[in-house]
Amino acid sequence: MADDVHDDDTGVAELVEPELPRDANDLPPLDFSMFIVSLRTSAIMHLGEGAQGRRDLDLTLARQEIDLLGLLEEKTRGNLSGDEERLLSQILFDLRTKFIAARTPR
């Protein structure tokens, strides 16, 4: 899905959140990109960034989701479209960065 990752003015890829469906008939078709975005959403929630004003931090579950995405990256190497590969790579970079920040004492 080309719409999932955009380059900003500096040439850095930025993940764009898909719009939420208005009803069940508006659900996007299921594909690999939707699957990895779903795993990303789950990891983000475990990193305490899911709901506004609510921080449910579970680093063990976040790590499991991130590791699962890493496993998918490894096992699908060479079999993804360029857009899918970039999306997965960007999601992993973003989640790993957020995970390290969440583990670091403030």
PDB file of N, CA and C in Angstrom:
ATOM      1  N   MET A   1       0.839  -1.171   0.000  1.00  0.00           N
ATOM      2  CA  MET A   1       0.000   0.000   0.000  1.00  0.00           C
ATOM      3  C   MET A   1       0.884   1.233   0.000  1.00  0.00           C
ATOM      4  N   ALA A   2       0.884   1.941  -1.029  1.00  0.00           N
ATOM      5  CA  ALA A   2       1.741   3.106  -1.169  1.00  0.00           C
ATOM      6  C   ALA A   2       1.331   4.230  -0.228  1.00  0.00           C
ATOM      7  N   ASP A   3       0.090   4.252   0.245  1.00  0.00           N
ATOM      8  CA  ASP A   3      -0.379   5.341   1.086  1.00  0.00           C
ATOM      9  C   ASP A   3       0.054   5.209   2.538  1.00  0.00           C
ATOM     10  N   ASP A   4       0.672   4.098   2.919  1.00  0.00           N
ATOM     11  CA  ASP A   4       1.024   3.882   4.316  1.00  0.00           C
ATOM     12  C   ASP A   4       2.297   4.603   4.735  1.00  0.00           C
ATOM     13  N   VAL A   5       3.191   4.878   3.806  1.00  0.00           N
ATOM     14  CA  VAL A   5       4.443   5.551   4.114  1.00  0.00           C
ATOM     15  C   VAL A   5       4.594   6.731   3.165  1.00  0.00           C
ATOM     16  N   HIS A   6       4.933   7.894   3.723  1.00  0.00           N
ATOM     17  CA  HIS A   6       5.151   9.089   2.920  1.00  0.00           C
ATOM     18  C   HIS A   6       6.498   9.683   3.289  1.00  0.00           C
ATOM     19  N   ASP A   7       7.157  10.304   2.326  1.00  0.00           N
ATOM     20  CA  ASP A   7       8.399  11.017   2.602  1.00  0.00           C
ATOM     21  C   ASP A   7       8.051  12.456   2.933  1.00  0.00           C
ATOM     22  N   ASP A   8       8.643  12.975   4.023  1.00  0.00           N
ATOM     23  CA  ASP A   8       8.433  14.381   4.335  1.00  0.00           C
ATOM     24  C   ASP A   8       9.431  15.223   3.546  1.00  0.00           C
ATOM     25  N   ASP A   9       9.485  16.508   3.815  1.00  0.00           N
ATOM     26  CA  ASP A   9      10.347  17.418   3.057  1.00  0.00           C
ATOM     27  C   ASP A   9      11.825  17.087   3.192  1.00  0.00           C
ATOM     28  N   THR A  10      12.198  16.387   4.261  1.00  0.00           N
ATOM     29  CA  THR A  10      13.608  16.042   4.469  1.00  0.00           C
ATOM     30  C   THR A  10      13.959  14.693   3.857  1.00  0.00           C
ATOM     31  N   GLY A  11      12.985  14.028   3.243  1.00  0.00           N
ATOM     32  CA  GLY A  11      13.236  12.732   2.629  1.00  0.00           C
ATOM     33  C   GLY A  11      13.132  11.577   3.608  1.00  0.00           C
ATOM     34  N   VAL A  12      12.679  11.837   4.844  1.00  0.00           N
ATOM     35  CA  VAL A  12      12.536  10.797   5.853  1.00  0.00           C
ATOM     36  C   VAL A  12      11.135  10.222   5.749  1.00  0.00           C
ATOM     37  N   ALA A  13      11.047   8.902   5.732  1.00  0.00           N
ATOM     38  CA  ALA A  13       9.741   8.252   5.629  1.00  0.00           C
ATOM     39  C   ALA A  13       8.961   8.475   6.918  1.00  0.00           C
ATOM     40  N   GLU A  14       7.686   8.744   6.765  1.00  0.00           N
ATOM     41  CA  GLU A  14       6.807   8.978   7.901  1.00  0.00           C
ATOM     42  C   GLU A  14       5.607   8.063   7.767  1.00  0.00           C
ATOM     43  N   LEU A  15       5.268   7.349   8.822  1.00  0.00           N
ATOM     44  CA  LEU A  15       4.127   6.452   8.813  1.00  0.00           C
ATOM     45  C   LEU A  15       2.852   7.276   8.903  1.00  0.00           C
ATOM     46  N   VAL A  16       1.888   6.991   8.062  1.00  0.00           N
ATOM     47  CA  VAL A  16       0.628   7.699   8.058  1.00  0.00           C
ATOM     48  C   VAL A  16      -0.451   6.745   8.547  1.00  0.00           C
ATOM     49  N   GLU A  17      -1.144   7.164   9.582  1.00  0.00           N
ATOM     50  CA  GLU A  17      -2.209   6.341  10.142  1.00  0.00           C
ATOM     51  C   GLU A  17      -3.396   6.296   9.172  1.00  0.00           C
ATOM     52  N   PRO A  18      -3.921   5.104   8.910  1.00  0.00           N
ATOM     53  CA  PRO A  18      -5.097   5.017   8.046  1.00  0.00           C
ATOM     54  C   PRO A  18      -6.324   5.572   8.767  1.00  0.00           C
ATOM     55  N   GLU A  19      -7.279   6.090   7.990  1.00  0.00           N
ATOM     56  CA  GLU A  19      -8.511   6.592   8.584  1.00  0.00           C
ATOM     57  C   GLU A  19      -9.317   5.427   9.127  1.00  0.00           C
ATOM     58  N   LEU A  20     -10.020   5.673  10.233  1.00  0.00           N
ATOM     59  CA  LEU A  20     -10.868   4.638  10.812  1.00  0.00           C
ATOM     60  C   LEU A  20     -12.130   4.492   9.965  1.00  0.00           C
ATOM     61  N   PRO A  21     -12.614   3.259   9.801  1.00  0.00           N
ATOM     62  CA  PRO A  21     -13.835   3.053   9.011  1.00  0.00           C
ATOM     63  C   PRO A  21     -15.047   3.621   9.734  1.00  0.00           C
ATOM     64  N   ARG A  22     -16.008   4.087   8.960  1.00  0.00           N
ATOM     65  CA  ARG A  22     -17.235   4.643   9.540  1.00  0.00           C
ATOM     66  C   ARG A  22     -18.188   3.533   9.963  1.00  0.00           C
ATOM     67  N   ASP A  23     -18.223   2.447   9.204  1.00  0.00           N
ATOM     68  CA  ASP A  23     -19.018   1.284   9.589  1.00  0.00           C
ATOM     69  C   ASP A  23     -18.357   0.029   9.019  1.00  0.00           C
ATOM     70  N   ALA A  24     -18.942  -1.117   9.301  1.00  0.00           N
ATOM     71  CA  ALA A  24     -18.332  -2.388   8.911  1.00  0.00           C
ATOM     72  C   ALA A  24     -18.144  -2.515   7.405  1.00  0.00           C
ATOM     73  N   ASN A  25     -18.975  -1.853   6.619  1.00  0.00           N
ATOM     74  CA  ASN A  25     -18.858  -1.931   5.163  1.00  0.00           C
ATOM     75  C   ASN A  25     -17.693  -1.106   4.633  1.00  0.00           C
ATOM     76  N   ASP A  26     -17.128  -0.222   5.471  1.00  0.00           N
ATOM     77  CA  ASP A  26     -16.021   0.634   5.052  1.00  0.00           C
ATOM     78  C   ASP A  26     -14.652   0.031   5.383  1.00  0.00           C
ATOM     79  N   LEU A  27     -14.629  -1.194   5.889  1.00  0.00           N
ATOM     80  CA  LEU A  27     -13.354  -1.804   6.251  1.00  0.00           C
ATOM     81  C   LEU A  27     -12.494  -2.002   5.009  1.00  0.00           C
ATOM     82  N   PRO A  28     -11.213  -1.679   5.112  1.00  0.00           N
ATOM     83  CA  PRO A  28     -10.319  -1.876   3.968  1.00  0.00           C
ATOM     84  C   PRO A  28     -10.086  -3.359   3.721  1.00  0.00           C
ATOM     85  N   PRO A  29      -9.688  -3.721   2.517  1.00  0.00           N
ATOM     86  CA  PRO A  29      -9.414  -5.133   2.243  1.00  0.00           C
ATOM     87  C   PRO A  29      -8.199  -5.590   3.049  1.00  0.00           C
ATOM     88  N   LEU A  30      -8.226  -6.844   3.451  1.00  0.00           N
ATOM     89  CA  LEU A  30      -7.105  -7.396   4.203  1.00  0.00           C
ATOM     90  C   LEU A  30      -5.961  -7.730   3.256  1.00  0.00           C
ATOM     91  N   ASP A  31      -4.763  -7.278   3.623  1.00  0.00           N
ATOM     92  CA  ASP A  31      -3.559  -7.610   2.882  1.00  0.00           C
ATOM     93  C   ASP A  31      -2.393  -7.588   3.858  1.00  0.00           C
ATOM     94  N   PHE A  32      -1.198  -7.822   3.386  1.00  0.00           N
ATOM     95  CA  PHE A  32      -0.030  -7.889   4.254  1.00  0.00           C
ATOM     96  C   PHE A  32       0.199  -6.571   4.983  1.00  0.00           C
ATOM     97  N   SER A  33       0.046  -5.461   4.282  1.00  0.00           N
ATOM     98  CA  SER A  33       0.251  -4.152   4.904  1.00  0.00           C
ATOM     99  C   SER A  33      -0.724  -3.920   6.056  1.00  0.00           C
ATOM    100  N   MET A  34      -1.983  -4.271   5.874  1.00  0.00           N
ATOM    101  CA  MET A  34      -2.961  -4.112   6.952  1.00  0.00           C
ATOM    102  C   MET A  34      -2.596  -5.005   8.134  1.00  0.00           C
ATOM    103  N   PHE A  35      -2.089  -6.190   7.858  1.00  0.00           N
ATOM    104  CA  PHE A  35      -1.694  -7.120   8.914  1.00  0.00           C
ATOM    105  C   PHE A  35      -0.565  -6.529   9.759  1.00  0.00           C
ATOM    106  N   ILE A  36       0.464  -5.992   9.126  1.00  0.00           N
ATOM    107  CA  ILE A  36       1.582  -5.463   9.915  1.00  0.00           C
ATOM    108  C   ILE A  36       1.208  -4.151  10.610  1.00  0.00           C
ATOM    109  N   VAL A  37       0.312  -3.359  10.020  1.00  0.00           N
ATOM    110  CA  VAL A  37      -0.169  -2.157  10.694  1.00  0.00           C
ATOM    111  C   VAL A  37      -0.971  -2.560  11.939  1.00  0.00           C
ATOM    112  N   SER A  38      -1.707  -3.651  11.849  1.00  0.00           N
ATOM    113  CA  SER A  38      -2.450  -4.160  13.000  1.00  0.00           C
ATOM    114  C   SER A  38      -1.501  -4.574  14.130  1.00  0.00           C
ATOM    115  N   LEU A  39      -0.418  -5.269  13.781  1.00  0.00           N
ATOM    116  CA  LEU A  39       0.571  -5.654  14.794  1.00  0.00           C
ATOM    117  C   LEU A  39       1.239  -4.422  15.389  1.00  0.00           C
ATOM    118  N   ARG A  40       1.488  -3.416  14.560  1.00  0.00           N
ATOM    119  CA  ARG A  40       2.077  -2.162  15.041  1.00  0.00           C
ATOM    120  C   ARG A  40       1.156  -1.499  16.058  1.00  0.00           C
ATOM    121  N   THR A  41      -0.136  -1.456  15.743  1.00  0.00           N
ATOM    122  CA  THR A  41      -1.105  -0.839  16.642  1.00  0.00           C
ATOM    123  C   THR A  41      -1.106  -1.543  17.993  1.00  0.00           C
ATOM    124  N   SER A  42      -1.044  -2.845  17.971  1.00  0.00           N
ATOM    125  CA  SER A  42      -0.994  -3.611  19.219  1.00  0.00           C
ATOM    126  C   SER A  42       0.263  -3.281  20.014  1.00  0.00           C
ATOM    127  N   ALA A  43       1.408  -3.215  19.349  1.00  0.00           N
ATOM    128  CA  ALA A  43       2.660  -2.879  20.031  1.00  0.00           C
ATOM    129  C   ALA A  43       2.608  -1.474  20.617  1.00  0.00           C
ATOM    130  N   ILE A  44       2.058  -0.534  19.863  1.00  0.00           N
ATOM    131  CA  ILE A  44       1.932   0.849  20.341  1.00  0.00           C
ATOM    132  C   ILE A  44       1.084   0.899  21.611  1.00  0.00           C
ATOM    133  N   MET A  45       0.015   0.139  21.638  1.00  0.00           N
ATOM    134  CA  MET A  45      -0.830   0.100  22.825  1.00  0.00           C
ATOM    135  C   MET A  45      -0.051  -0.446  24.022  1.00  0.00           C
ATOM    136  N   HIS A  46       0.748  -1.490  23.796  1.00  0.00           N
ATOM    137  CA  HIS A  46       1.541  -2.073  24.891  1.00  0.00           C
ATOM    138  C   HIS A  46       2.652  -1.130  25.347  1.00  0.00           C
ATOM    139  N   LEU A  47       3.048  -0.217  24.479  1.00  0.00           N
ATOM    140  CA  LEU A  47       4.051   0.779  24.847  1.00  0.00           C
ATOM    141  C   LEU A  47       3.420   1.979  25.567  1.00  0.00           C
ATOM    142  N   GLY A  48       2.117   1.880  25.838  1.00  0.00           N
ATOM    143  CA  GLY A  48       1.438   2.916  26.600  1.00  0.00           C
ATOM    144  C   GLY A  48       1.006   4.106  25.788  1.00  0.00           C
ATOM    145  N   GLU A  49       0.935   3.961  24.475  1.00  0.00           N
ATOM    146  CA  GLU A  49       0.565   5.090  23.623  1.00  0.00           C
ATOM    147  C   GLU A  49      -0.769   4.875  22.923  1.00  0.00           C
ATOM    148  N   GLY A  50      -1.545   3.899  23.371  1.00  0.00           N
ATOM    149  CA  GLY A  50      -2.774   3.551  22.671  1.00  0.00           C
ATOM    150  C   GLY A  50      -3.889   4.561  22.795  1.00  0.00           C
ATOM    151  N   ALA A  51      -4.449   4.681  23.975  1.00  0.00           N
ATOM    152  CA  ALA A  51      -5.595   5.560  24.172  1.00  0.00           C
ATOM    153  C   ALA A  51      -5.142   6.888  24.767  1.00  0.00           C
ATOM    154  N   GLN A  52      -5.811   7.935  24.391  1.00  0.00           N
ATOM    155  CA  GLN A  52      -5.449   9.260  24.908  1.00  0.00           C
ATOM    156  C   GLN A  52      -5.675   9.294  26.413  1.00  0.00           C
ATOM    157  N   GLY A  53      -4.674   9.803  27.127  1.00  0.00           N
ATOM    158  CA  GLY A  53      -4.792   9.943  28.564  1.00  0.00           C
ATOM    159  C   GLY A  53      -4.655   8.644  29.339  1.00  0.00           C
ATOM    160  N   ARG A  54      -4.357   7.559  28.672  1.00  0.00           N
ATOM    161  CA  ARG A  54      -4.258   6.262  29.341  1.00  0.00           C
ATOM    162  C   ARG A  54      -2.913   5.649  29.016  1.00  0.00           C
ATOM    163  N   ARG A  55      -2.176   5.225  30.037  1.00  0.00           N
ATOM    164  CA  ARG A  55      -0.855   4.649  29.817  1.00  0.00           C
ATOM    165  C   ARG A  55      -0.821   3.244  30.403  1.00  0.00           C
ATOM    166  N   ASP A  56      -1.066   2.251  29.579  1.00  0.00           N
ATOM    167  CA  ASP A  56      -0.953   0.851  29.984  1.00  0.00           C
ATOM    168  C   ASP A  56       0.331   0.306  29.401  1.00  0.00           C
ATOM    169  N   LEU A  57       1.405   0.404  30.147  1.00  0.00           N
ATOM    170  CA  LEU A  57       2.716  -0.005  29.679  1.00  0.00           C
ATOM    171  C   LEU A  57       2.942  -1.483  30.002  1.00  0.00           C
ATOM    172  N   ASP A  58       3.196  -2.288  28.982  1.00  0.00           N
ATOM    173  CA  ASP A  58       3.548  -3.695  29.154  1.00  0.00           C
ATOM    174  C   ASP A  58       4.679  -3.993  28.179  1.00  0.00           C
ATOM    175  N   LEU A  59       5.912  -3.801  28.654  1.00  0.00           N
ATOM    176  CA  LEU A  59       7.079  -3.949  27.788  1.00  0.00           C
ATOM    177  C   LEU A  59       7.267  -5.381  27.299  1.00  0.00           C
ATOM    178  N   THR A  60       6.838  -6.360  28.084  1.00  0.00           N
ATOM    179  CA  THR A  60       6.973  -7.757  27.656  1.00  0.00           C
ATOM    180  C   THR A  60       6.119  -8.012  26.417  1.00  0.00           C
ATOM    181  N   LEU A  61       4.873  -7.575  26.454  1.00  0.00           N
ATOM    182  CA  LEU A  61       3.995  -7.774  25.294  1.00  0.00           C
ATOM    183  C   LEU A  61       4.422  -6.905  24.112  1.00  0.00           C
ATOM    184  N   ALA A  62       4.895  -5.691  24.397  1.00  0.00           N
ATOM    185  CA  ALA A  62       5.396  -4.831  23.313  1.00  0.00           C
ATOM    186  C   ALA A  62       6.576  -5.508  22.633  1.00  0.00           C
ATOM    187  N   ARG A  63       7.495  -6.052  23.423  1.00  0.00           N
ATOM    188  CA  ARG A  63       8.675  -6.734  22.868  1.00  0.00           C
ATOM    189  C   ARG A  63       8.255  -7.931  22.017  1.00  0.00           C
ATOM    190  N   GLN A  64       7.247  -8.661  22.469  1.00  0.00           N
ATOM    191  CA  GLN A  64       6.771  -9.817  21.710  1.00  0.00           C
ATOM    192  C   GLN A  64       6.217  -9.392  20.344  1.00  0.00           C
ATOM    193  N   GLU A  65       5.454  -8.318  20.302  1.00  0.00           N
ATOM    194  CA  GLU A  65       4.912  -7.822  19.032  1.00  0.00           C
ATOM    195  C   GLU A  65       6.037  -7.359  18.115  1.00  0.00           C
ATOM    196  N   ILE A  66       7.020  -6.650  18.679  1.00  0.00           N
ATOM    197  CA  ILE A  66       8.151  -6.158  17.887  1.00  0.00           C
ATOM    198  C   ILE A  66       8.966  -7.336  17.351  1.00  0.00           C
ATOM    199  N   ASP A  67       9.196  -8.341  18.189  1.00  0.00           N
ATOM    200  CA  ASP A  67       9.925  -9.532  17.746  1.00  0.00           C
ATOM    201  C   ASP A  67       9.166 -10.278  16.651  1.00  0.00           C
ATOM    202  N   LEU A  68       7.842 -10.321  16.765  1.00  0.00           N
ATOM    203  CA  LEU A  68       7.025 -10.975  15.737  1.00  0.00           C
ATOM    204  C   LEU A  68       7.161 -10.239  14.403  1.00  0.00           C
ATOM    205  N   LEU A  69       7.141  -8.917  14.438  1.00  0.00           N
ATOM    206  CA  LEU A  69       7.337  -8.136  13.214  1.00  0.00           C
ATOM    207  C   LEU A  69       8.735  -8.359  12.645  1.00  0.00           C
ATOM    208  N   GLY A  70       9.741  -8.462  13.514  1.00  0.00           N
ATOM    209  CA  GLY A  70      11.104  -8.759  13.072  1.00  0.00           C
ATOM    210  C   GLY A  70      11.194 -10.124  12.417  1.00  0.00           C
ATOM    211  N   LEU A  71      10.490 -11.101  12.991  1.00  0.00           N
ATOM    212  CA  LEU A  71      10.449 -12.440  12.408  1.00  0.00           C
ATOM    213  C   LEU A  71       9.793 -12.408  11.028  1.00  0.00           C
ATOM    214  N   LEU A  72       8.706 -11.659  10.905  1.00  0.00           N
ATOM    215  CA  LEU A  72       8.051 -11.515   9.601  1.00  0.00           C
ATOM    216  C   LEU A  72       8.984 -10.874   8.587  1.00  0.00           C
ATOM    217  N   GLU A  73       9.743  -9.867   9.021  1.00  0.00           N
ATOM    218  CA  GLU A  73      10.692  -9.218   8.116  1.00  0.00           C
ATOM    219  C   GLU A  73      11.731 -10.234   7.625  1.00  0.00           C
ATOM    220  N   GLU A  74      12.231 -11.032   8.550  1.00  0.00           N
ATOM    221  CA  GLU A  74      13.244 -12.029   8.197  1.00  0.00           C
ATOM    222  C   GLU A  74      12.685 -13.100   7.260  1.00  0.00           C
ATOM    223  N   LYS A  75      11.515 -13.616   7.574  1.00  0.00           N
ATOM    224  CA  LYS A  75      10.947 -14.738   6.821  1.00  0.00           C
ATOM    225  C   LYS A  75      10.361 -14.329   5.474  1.00  0.00           C
ATOM    226  N   THR A  76      10.040 -13.042   5.301  1.00  0.00           N
ATOM    227  CA  THR A  76       9.451 -12.596   4.033  1.00  0.00           C
ATOM    228  C   THR A  76      10.463 -11.872   3.152  1.00  0.00           C
ATOM    229  N   ARG A  77      11.715 -11.781   3.610  1.00  0.00           N
ATOM    230  CA  ARG A  77      12.751 -11.057   2.847  1.00  0.00           C
ATOM    231  C   ARG A  77      12.796 -11.582   1.402  1.00  0.00           C
ATOM    232  N   GLY A  78      12.716 -10.657   0.453  1.00  0.00           N
ATOM    233  CA  GLY A  78      12.758 -11.009  -0.963  1.00  0.00           C
ATOM    234  C   GLY A  78      11.407 -11.364  -1.553  1.00  0.00           C
ATOM    235  N   ASN A  79      10.369 -11.412  -0.728  1.00  0.00           N
ATOM    236  CA  ASN A  79       9.033 -11.785  -1.212  1.00  0.00           C
ATOM    237  C   ASN A  79       7.999 -10.671  -1.085  1.00  0.00           C
ATOM    238  N   LEU A  80       8.437  -9.488  -0.649  1.00  0.00           N
ATOM    239  CA  LEU A  80       7.511  -8.372  -0.473  1.00  0.00           C
ATOM    240  C   LEU A  80       7.693  -7.351  -1.590  1.00  0.00           C
ATOM    241  N   SER A  81       6.643  -6.580  -1.818  1.00  0.00           N
ATOM    242  CA  SER A  81       6.780  -5.460  -2.754  1.00  0.00           C
ATOM    243  C   SER A  81       7.663  -4.401  -2.086  1.00  0.00           C
ATOM    244  N   GLY A  82       8.156  -3.461  -2.855  1.00  0.00           N
ATOM    245  CA  GLY A  82       8.972  -2.388  -2.303  1.00  0.00           C
ATOM    246  C   GLY A  82       8.242  -1.595  -1.240  1.00  0.00           C
ATOM    247  N   ASP A  83       6.966  -1.309  -1.488  1.00  0.00           N
ATOM    248  CA  ASP A  83       6.167  -0.559  -0.516  1.00  0.00           C
ATOM    249  C   ASP A  83       5.991  -1.347   0.780  1.00  0.00           C
ATOM    250  N   GLU A  84       5.711  -2.640   0.669  1.00  0.00           N
ATOM    251  CA  GLU A  84       5.544  -3.475   1.859  1.00  0.00           C
ATOM    252  C   GLU A  84       6.845  -3.562   2.652  1.00  0.00           C
ATOM    253  N   GLU A  85       7.944  -3.714   1.947  1.00  0.00           N
ATOM    254  CA  GLU A  85       9.251  -3.792   2.595  1.00  0.00           C
ATOM    255  C   GLU A  85       9.576  -2.502   3.351  1.00  0.00           C
ATOM    256  N   ARG A  86       9.345  -1.356   2.704  1.00  0.00           N
ATOM    257  CA  ARG A  86       9.604  -0.062   3.347  1.00  0.00           C
ATOM    258  C   ARG A  86       8.690   0.148   4.548  1.00  0.00           C
ATOM    259  N   LEU A  87       7.434  -0.208   4.415  1.00  0.00           N
ATOM    260  CA  LEU A  87       6.482  -0.062   5.516  1.00  0.00           C
ATOM    261  C   LEU A  87       6.928  -0.889   6.716  1.00  0.00           C
ATOM    262  N   LEU A  88       7.262  -2.140   6.493  1.00  0.00           N
ATOM    263  CA  LEU A  88       7.687  -3.016   7.583  1.00  0.00           C
ATOM    264  C   LEU A  88       8.969  -2.498   8.222  1.00  0.00           C
ATOM    265  N   SER A  89       9.909  -2.074   7.413  1.00  0.00           N
ATOM    266  CA  SER A  89      11.170  -1.538   7.928  1.00  0.00           C
ATOM    267  C   SER A  89      10.931  -0.287   8.772  1.00  0.00           C
ATOM    268  N   GLN A  90      10.090   0.622   8.294  1.00  0.00           N
ATOM    269  CA  GLN A  90       9.801   1.855   9.023  1.00  0.00           C
ATOM    270  C   GLN A  90       9.068   1.562  10.327  1.00  0.00           C
ATOM    271  N   ILE A  91       8.116   0.651  10.293  1.00  0.00           N
ATOM    272  CA  ILE A  91       7.384   0.280  11.502  1.00  0.00           C
ATOM    273  C   ILE A  91       8.344  -0.296  12.538  1.00  0.00           C
ATOM    274  N   LEU A  92       9.222  -1.186  12.120  1.00  0.00           N
ATOM    275  CA  LEU A  92      10.177  -1.775  13.057  1.00  0.00           C
ATOM    276  C   LEU A  92      11.117  -0.722  13.641  1.00  0.00           C
ATOM    277  N   PHE A  93      11.617   0.172  12.822  1.00  0.00           N
ATOM    278  CA  PHE A  93      12.490   1.237  13.318  1.00  0.00           C
ATOM    279  C   PHE A  93      11.755   2.082  14.362  1.00  0.00           C
ATOM    280  N   ASP A  94      10.538   2.483  14.035  1.00  0.00           N
ATOM    281  CA  ASP A  94       9.737   3.320  14.925  1.00  0.00           C
ATOM    282  C   ASP A  94       9.466   2.603  16.251  1.00  0.00           C
ATOM    283  N   LEU A  95       9.036   1.342  16.185  1.00  0.00           N
ATOM    284  CA  LEU A  95       8.708   0.599  17.401  1.00  0.00           C
ATOM    285  C   LEU A  95       9.942   0.323  18.248  1.00  0.00           C
ATOM    286  N   ARG A  96      11.042  -0.026  17.613  1.00  0.00           N
ATOM    287  CA  ARG A  96      12.268  -0.283  18.374  1.00  0.00           C
ATOM    288  C   ARG A  96      12.742   0.984  19.080  1.00  0.00           C
ATOM    289  N   THR A  97      12.628   2.117  18.407  1.00  0.00           N
ATOM    290  CA  THR A  97      13.005   3.391  19.020  1.00  0.00           C
ATOM    291  C   THR A  97      12.110   3.698  20.211  1.00  0.00           C
ATOM    292  N   LYS A  98      10.811   3.516  20.044  1.00  0.00           N
ATOM    293  CA  LYS A  98       9.858   3.763  21.128  1.00  0.00           C
ATOM    294  C   LYS A  98      10.083   2.794  22.292  1.00  0.00           C
ATOM    295  N   PHE A  99      10.419   1.544  21.973  1.00  0.00           N
ATOM    296  CA  PHE A  99      10.667   0.543  23.016  1.00  0.00           C
ATOM    297  C   PHE A  99      11.872   0.941  23.865  1.00  0.00           C
ATOM    298  N   ILE A 100      12.950   1.334  23.200  1.00  0.00           N
ATOM    299  CA  ILE A 100      14.152   1.755  23.932  1.00  0.00           C
ATOM    300  C   ILE A 100      13.850   2.969  24.799  1.00  0.00           C
ATOM    301  N   ALA A 101      13.095   3.913  24.263  1.00  0.00           N
ATOM    302  CA  ALA A 101      12.728   5.103  25.042  1.00  0.00           C
ATOM    303  C   ALA A 101      11.874   4.723  26.248  1.00  0.00           C
ATOM    304  N   ALA A 102      10.971   3.763  26.086  1.00  0.00           N
ATOM    305  CA  ALA A 102      10.094   3.346  27.184  1.00  0.00           C
ATOM    306  C   ALA A 102      10.879   2.625  28.273  1.00  0.00           C
ATOM    307  N   ARG A 103      11.950   1.920  27.895  1.00  0.00           N
ATOM    308  CA  ARG A 103      12.789   1.201  28.874  1.00  0.00           C
ATOM    309  C   ARG A 103      13.755   2.098  29.613  1.00  0.00           C
ATOM    310  N   THR A 104      14.077   3.237  29.026  1.00  0.00           N
ATOM    311  CA  THR A 104      15.068   4.133  29.603  1.00  0.00           C
ATOM    312  C   THR A 104      14.447   4.916  30.765  1.00  0.00           C
ATOM    313  N   PRO A 105      15.060   4.826  31.941  1.00  0.00           N
ATOM    314  CA  PRO A 105      14.530   5.602  33.089  1.00  0.00           C
ATOM    315  C   PRO A 105      14.649   7.098  32.818  1.00  0.00           C
ATOM    316  N   ARG A 106      13.667   7.824  33.265  1.00  0.00           N
ATOM    317  CA  ARG A 106      13.667   9.284  33.039  1.00  0.00           C
ATOM    318  C   ARG A 106      14.094  10.022  34.259  1.00  0.00           C
TER     319      ARG A 106
END
